[in-house]
Amino acid sequence: MRGLLLLALLLVAAIQPHAAAAPQTYTDPFAYCAAVGNVDAPDARWAGERVPLVIARGLQKAFRIPGDTVPDHFIRGTHWRCMGGEVYACNVGANIPCMSRAETSRTPTEGMVLYCRENPDSPFIPMYVRDRANIYDWRCMGGAPVIIRKVTDPDARGFLSNIWYQIAPPGLPPGKGL
């Protein structure tokens, strides 16, 4: 009887769902990124401020803005993410497309074609026409869109590499742009 009772308890334990352990949460962006590796925006594991002060200060440094007080727009307009276990940040500033993937197509859009028909020899195609996330500068030649030059490359996660800055932990050597 005792053996049957033990067997029944083991069976009940085996078929009951195991209680899921609570996921680890973080309030230090550097520890968070080291743990998660790659994430395009903080997820449920992030339990800290929307934009930690250390990230805002890192962007302030990247933009070479002096002072001890972090300008408010570095808190309000900043996005941050993890790439390769490191912290990266971008500030929307003048309509910077932080959260857009880089547009790498060499094929002009319909809007660019129409713009060049109306402005056949324009030395540039405005960003609102060509897409702010485009990695190329375009112009119109003889009524057709033409690539002038490549402006930047996508980073390893597909975002514009020239608008994202690696943020170093305080006291460590700075990353890109710092």
C-alpha atoms as a PDB file:
ATOM      1  CA  MET A   1       0.000   0.000   0.000  1.00  0.00           C
ATOM      2  CA  ARG A   2       2.785   2.344   0.920  1.00  0.00           C
ATOM      3  CA  GLY A   3       4.473   1.661  -2.445  1.00  0.00           C
ATOM      4  CA  LEU A   4       1.226   2.412  -4.275  1.00  0.00           C
ATOM      5  CA  LEU A   5       0.870   5.703  -2.443  1.00  0.00           C
ATOM      6  CA  LEU A   6       4.445   6.667  -3.323  1.00  0.00           C
ATOM      7  CA  LEU A   7       3.860   5.728  -6.968  1.00  0.00           C
ATOM      8  CA  ALA A   8       0.658   7.819  -7.046  1.00  0.00           C
ATOM      9  CA  LEU A   9       2.475  10.834  -5.607  1.00  0.00           C
ATOM     10  CA  LEU A  10       5.247  10.496  -8.175  1.00  0.00           C
ATOM     11  CA  LEU A  11       2.713  10.276 -11.014  1.00  0.00           C
ATOM     12  CA  VAL A  12       0.850  13.361  -9.794  1.00  0.00           C
ATOM     13  CA  ALA A  13       4.118  15.279  -9.524  1.00  0.00           C
ATOM     14  CA  ALA A  14       5.131  14.185 -13.027  1.00  0.00           C
ATOM     15  CA  ILE A  15       1.922  15.310 -14.724  1.00  0.00           C
ATOM     16  CA  GLN A  16       1.476  18.621 -12.896  1.00  0.00           C
ATOM     17  CA  PRO A  17       2.954  21.568 -14.783  1.00  0.00           C
ATOM     18  CA  HIS A  18       6.162  22.783 -13.291  1.00  0.00           C
ATOM     19  CA  ALA A  19       6.017  26.265 -11.859  1.00  0.00           C
ATOM     20  CA  ALA A  20       7.867  28.554 -14.240  1.00  0.00           C
ATOM     21  CA  ALA A  21      10.681  30.459 -12.647  1.00  0.00           C
ATOM     22  CA  ALA A  22      10.255  34.219 -12.814  1.00  0.00           C
ATOM     23  CA  PRO A  23      12.465  35.660 -15.546  1.00  0.00           C
ATOM     24  CA  GLN A  24      15.544  37.568 -14.435  1.00  0.00           C
ATOM     25  CA  THR A  25      14.996  41.325 -14.587  1.00  0.00           C
ATOM     26  CA  TYR A  26      17.572  44.100 -14.825  1.00  0.00           C
ATOM     27  CA  THR A  27      17.912  47.780 -13.940  1.00  0.00           C
ATOM     28  CA  ASP A  28      21.505  48.159 -15.193  1.00  0.00           C
ATOM     29  CA  PRO A  29      21.486  48.526 -19.001  1.00  0.00           C
ATOM     30  CA  PHE A  30      25.002  47.083 -19.342  1.00  0.00           C
ATOM     31  CA  ALA A  31      24.180  43.948 -17.343  1.00  0.00           C
ATOM     32  CA  TYR A  32      20.893  43.663 -19.252  1.00  0.00           C
ATOM     33  CA  CYS A  33      22.570  43.821 -22.667  1.00  0.00           C
ATOM     34  CA  ALA A  34      25.330  41.442 -21.594  1.00  0.00           C
ATOM     35  CA  ALA A  35      22.622  38.962 -20.576  1.00  0.00           C
ATOM     36  CA  VAL A  36      20.226  39.314 -23.523  1.00  0.00           C
ATOM     37  CA  GLY A  37      22.788  39.789 -26.310  1.00  0.00           C
ATOM     38  CA  ASN A  38      20.538  41.230 -29.021  1.00  0.00           C
ATOM     39  CA  VAL A  39      17.211  42.990 -28.604  1.00  0.00           C
ATOM     40  CA  ASP A  40      15.882  45.889 -30.662  1.00  0.00           C
ATOM     41  CA  ALA A  41      14.136  47.551 -27.711  1.00  0.00           C
ATOM     42  CA  PRO A  42      14.044  46.751 -23.999  1.00  0.00           C
ATOM     43  CA  ASP A  43      11.639  43.892 -23.280  1.00  0.00           C
ATOM     44  CA  ALA A  44       9.953  42.505 -20.136  1.00  0.00           C
ATOM     45  CA  ARG A  45      13.336  41.640 -18.657  1.00  0.00           C
ATOM     46  CA  TRP A  46      14.125  45.367 -18.411  1.00  0.00           C
ATOM     47  CA  ALA A  47      12.820  46.796 -15.110  1.00  0.00           C
ATOM     48  CA  GLY A  48      14.624  50.148 -15.046  1.00  0.00           C
ATOM     49  CA  GLU A  49      13.908  53.656 -16.320  1.00  0.00           C
ATOM     50  CA  ARG A  50      12.712  53.991 -19.919  1.00  0.00           C
ATOM     51  CA  VAL A  51      15.987  55.781 -20.677  1.00  0.00           C
ATOM     52  CA  PRO A  52      18.570  55.330 -17.943  1.00  0.00           C
ATOM     53  CA  LEU A  53      20.559  58.455 -17.086  1.00  0.00           C
ATOM     54  CA  VAL A  54      23.841  56.665 -17.930  1.00  0.00           C
ATOM     55  CA  ILE A  55      22.600  56.163 -21.507  1.00  0.00           C
ATOM     56  CA  ALA A  56      21.442  59.791 -21.824  1.00  0.00           C
ATOM     57  CA  ARG A  57      24.849  60.928 -20.528  1.00  0.00           C
ATOM     58  CA  GLY A  58      26.559  58.631 -23.031  1.00  0.00           C
ATOM     59  CA  LEU A  59      24.649  60.260 -25.887  1.00  0.00           C
ATOM     60  CA  GLN A  60      25.421  63.697 -24.511  1.00  0.00           C
ATOM     61  CA  LYS A  61      29.103  62.739 -24.726  1.00  0.00           C
ATOM     62  CA  ALA A  62      28.666  61.274 -28.213  1.00  0.00           C
ATOM     63  CA  PHE A  63      27.202  64.573 -29.408  1.00  0.00           C
ATOM     64  CA  ARG A  64      29.965  66.475 -27.592  1.00  0.00           C
ATOM     65  CA  ILE A  65      27.505  68.542 -25.567  1.00  0.00           C
ATOM     66  CA  PRO A  66      29.247  69.870 -22.455  1.00  0.00           C
ATOM     67  CA  GLY A  67      27.717  70.219 -19.034  1.00  0.00           C
ATOM     68  CA  ASP A  68      26.759  68.298 -15.958  1.00  0.00           C
ATOM     69  CA  THR A  69      23.026  68.468 -16.644  1.00  0.00           C
ATOM     70  CA  VAL A  70      21.668  66.129 -19.301  1.00  0.00           C
ATOM     71  CA  PRO A  71      19.423  68.023 -21.734  1.00  0.00           C
ATOM     72  CA  ASP A  72      15.815  66.832 -21.469  1.00  0.00           C
ATOM     73  CA  HIS A  73      15.684  65.785 -25.136  1.00  0.00           C
ATOM     74  CA  PHE A  74      18.313  63.120 -24.398  1.00  0.00           C
ATOM     75  CA  ILE A  75      15.773  61.505 -22.091  1.00  0.00           C
ATOM     76  CA  ARG A  76      12.574  62.123 -24.097  1.00  0.00           C
ATOM     77  CA  GLY A  77      13.906  61.421 -27.587  1.00  0.00           C
ATOM     78  CA  THR A  78      16.264  58.525 -26.979  1.00  0.00           C
ATOM     79  CA  HIS A  79      15.837  54.902 -27.996  1.00  0.00           C
ATOM     80  CA  TRP A  80      18.239  52.230 -26.863  1.00  0.00           C
ATOM     81  CA  ARG A  81      18.855  48.585 -27.643  1.00  0.00           C
ATOM     82  CA  CYS A  82      21.336  45.771 -27.281  1.00  0.00           C
ATOM     83  CA  MET A  83      23.593  44.518 -30.049  1.00  0.00           C
ATOM     84  CA  GLY A  84      26.227  41.894 -29.461  1.00  0.00           C
ATOM     85  CA  GLY A  85      25.797  42.305 -25.705  1.00  0.00           C
ATOM     86  CA  GLU A  86      26.602  46.039 -25.870  1.00  0.00           C
ATOM     87  CA  VAL A  87      24.380  49.084 -25.274  1.00  0.00           C
ATOM     88  CA  TYR A  88      23.543  51.270 -28.294  1.00  0.00           C
ATOM     89  CA  ALA A  89      21.501  54.489 -28.282  1.00  0.00           C
ATOM     90  CA  CYS A  90      19.982  56.851 -30.834  1.00  0.00           C
ATOM     91  CA  ASN A  91      18.277  60.208 -30.382  1.00  0.00           C
ATOM     92  CA  VAL A  92      15.448  61.137 -32.729  1.00  0.00           C
ATOM     93  CA  GLY A  93      16.499  64.797 -32.816  1.00  0.00           C
ATOM     94  CA  ALA A  94      15.651  66.234 -36.246  1.00  0.00           C
ATOM     95  CA  ASN A  95      13.425  63.381 -37.434  1.00  0.00           C
ATOM     96  CA  ILE A  96      16.172  60.774 -37.189  1.00  0.00           C
ATOM     97  CA  PRO A  97      14.617  57.343 -37.922  1.00  0.00           C
ATOM     98  CA  CYS A  98      16.028  55.495 -34.900  1.00  0.00           C
ATOM     99  CA  MET A  99      13.575  52.619 -35.010  1.00  0.00           C
ATOM    100  CA  SER A 100      13.510  52.137 -38.794  1.00  0.00           C
ATOM    101  CA  ARG A 101      15.511  49.447 -40.516  1.00  0.00           C
ATOM    102  CA  ALA A 102      17.992  50.729 -43.074  1.00  0.00           C
ATOM    103  CA  GLU A 103      16.569  50.975 -46.582  1.00  0.00           C
ATOM    104  CA  THR A 104      19.190  49.379 -48.834  1.00  0.00           C
ATOM    105  CA  SER A 105      17.308  49.122 -52.121  1.00  0.00           C
ATOM    106  CA  ARG A 106      19.012  50.641 -55.140  1.00  0.00           C
ATOM    107  CA  THR A 107      15.655  50.781 -56.920  1.00  0.00           C
ATOM    108  CA  PRO A 108      14.003  54.214 -56.793  1.00  0.00           C
ATOM    109  CA  THR A 109      10.559  54.443 -55.232  1.00  0.00           C
ATOM    110  CA  GLU A 110       7.527  55.665 -57.132  1.00  0.00           C
ATOM    111  CA  GLY A 111       7.719  58.901 -55.124  1.00  0.00           C
ATOM    112  CA  MET A 112      11.308  59.456 -56.261  1.00  0.00           C
ATOM    113  CA  VAL A 113      10.381  58.834 -59.891  1.00  0.00           C
ATOM    114  CA  LEU A 114       7.494  61.338 -59.664  1.00  0.00           C
ATOM    115  CA  TYR A 115       9.695  63.908 -57.917  1.00  0.00           C
ATOM    116  CA  CYS A 116      12.329  63.661 -60.662  1.00  0.00           C
ATOM    117  CA  ARG A 117       9.714  64.030 -63.390  1.00  0.00           C
ATOM    118  CA  GLU A 118       8.682  67.310 -61.770  1.00  0.00           C
ATOM    119  CA  ASN A 119      12.289  68.337 -60.925  1.00  0.00           C
ATOM    120  CA  PRO A 120      14.330  66.754 -63.740  1.00  0.00           C
ATOM    121  CA  ASP A 121      17.762  68.047 -62.707  1.00  0.00           C
ATOM    122  CA  SER A 122      17.368  68.504 -58.945  1.00  0.00           C
ATOM    123  CA  PRO A 123      20.755  68.088 -57.228  1.00  0.00           C
ATOM    124  CA  PHE A 124      19.034  66.121 -54.432  1.00  0.00           C
ATOM    125  CA  ILE A 125      15.863  64.215 -53.638  1.00  0.00           C
ATOM    126  CA  PRO A 126      14.497  65.363 -50.273  1.00  0.00           C
ATOM    127  CA  MET A 127      14.402  62.846 -47.444  1.00  0.00           C
ATOM    128  CA  TYR A 128      10.627  63.082 -47.126  1.00  0.00           C
ATOM    129  CA  VAL A 129      10.449  61.760 -50.702  1.00  0.00           C
ATOM    130  CA  ARG A 130      13.172  59.115 -50.563  1.00  0.00           C
ATOM    131  CA  ASP A 131      12.744  57.744 -47.002  1.00  0.00           C
ATOM    132  CA  ARG A 132      14.817  58.936 -44.067  1.00  0.00           C
ATOM    133  CA  ALA A 133      16.231  55.443 -43.522  1.00  0.00           C
ATOM    134  CA  ASN A 134      17.717  55.214 -47.036  1.00  0.00           C
ATOM    135  CA  ILE A 135      21.454  54.492 -47.017  1.00  0.00           C
ATOM    136  CA  TYR A 136      22.000  56.410 -50.282  1.00  0.00           C
ATOM    137  CA  ASP A 137      21.954  60.051 -51.337  1.00  0.00           C
ATOM    138  CA  TRP A 138      19.891  60.466 -54.499  1.00  0.00           C
ATOM    139  CA  ARG A 139      19.513  63.206 -57.105  1.00  0.00           C
ATOM    140  CA  CYS A 140      17.588  63.688 -60.351  1.00  0.00           C
ATOM    141  CA  MET A 141      19.395  63.541 -63.700  1.00  0.00           C
ATOM    142  CA  GLY A 142      17.436  64.066 -66.859  1.00  0.00           C
ATOM    143  CA  GLY A 143      14.192  63.326 -65.011  1.00  0.00           C
ATOM    144  CA  ALA A 144      15.350  60.038 -63.432  1.00  0.00           C
ATOM    145  CA  PRO A 145      16.485  59.226 -59.864  1.00  0.00           C
ATOM    146  CA  VAL A 146      20.213  58.445 -59.593  1.00  0.00           C
ATOM    147  CA  ILE A 147      22.299  57.399 -56.589  1.00  0.00           C
ATOM    148  CA  ILE A 148      25.019  59.942 -55.825  1.00  0.00           C
ATOM    149  CA  ARG A 149      26.793  58.064 -53.057  1.00  0.00           C
ATOM    150  CA  LYS A 150      26.355  55.661 -50.209  1.00  0.00           C
ATOM    151  CA  VAL A 151      25.930  57.536 -46.914  1.00  0.00           C
ATOM    152  CA  THR A 152      26.131  54.687 -44.421  1.00  0.00           C
ATOM    153  CA  ASP A 153      25.770  50.952 -43.942  1.00  0.00           C
ATOM    154  CA  PRO A 154      23.281  48.979 -41.916  1.00  0.00           C
ATOM    155  CA  ASP A 155      24.653  47.681 -38.631  1.00  0.00           C
ATOM    156  CA  ALA A 156      24.553  44.014 -37.643  1.00  0.00           C
ATOM    157  CA  ARG A 157      20.860  44.352 -36.640  1.00  0.00           C
ATOM    158  CA  GLY A 158      19.837  46.220 -39.812  1.00  0.00           C
ATOM    159  CA  PHE A 159      19.622  49.766 -38.427  1.00  0.00           C
ATOM    160  CA  LEU A 160      21.456  52.817 -39.788  1.00  0.00           C
ATOM    161  CA  SER A 161      24.968  52.548 -38.346  1.00  0.00           C
ATOM    162  CA  ASN A 162      25.638  56.297 -38.537  1.00  0.00           C
ATOM    163  CA  ILE A 163      22.882  57.259 -36.084  1.00  0.00           C
ATOM    164  CA  TRP A 164      23.415  54.640 -33.359  1.00  0.00           C
ATOM    165  CA  TYR A 165      26.165  55.129 -30.779  1.00  0.00           C
ATOM    166  CA  GLN A 166      27.731  52.469 -28.611  1.00  0.00           C
ATOM    167  CA  ILE A 167      27.431  53.591 -25.001  1.00  0.00           C
ATOM    168  CA  ALA A 168      30.251  52.495 -22.709  1.00  0.00           C
ATOM    169  CA  PRO A 169      29.766  51.822 -19.009  1.00  0.00           C
ATOM    170  CA  PRO A 170      31.149  54.648 -16.856  1.00  0.00           C
ATOM    171  CA  GLY A 171      34.903  54.334 -16.465  1.00  0.00           C
ATOM    172  CA  LEU A 172      35.440  52.153 -19.539  1.00  0.00           C
ATOM    173  CA  PRO A 173      36.777  53.296 -22.917  1.00  0.00           C
ATOM    174  CA  PRO A 174      34.003  54.802 -25.015  1.00  0.00           C
ATOM    175  CA  GLY A 175      32.544  53.172 -28.094  1.00  0.00           C
ATOM    176  CA  LYS A 176      31.682  54.583 -31.516  1.00  0.00           C
ATOM    177  CA  GLY A 177      31.320  58.332 -31.653  1.00  0.00           C
ATOM    178  CA  LEU A 178      32.342  59.019 -28.072  1.00  0.00           C
END
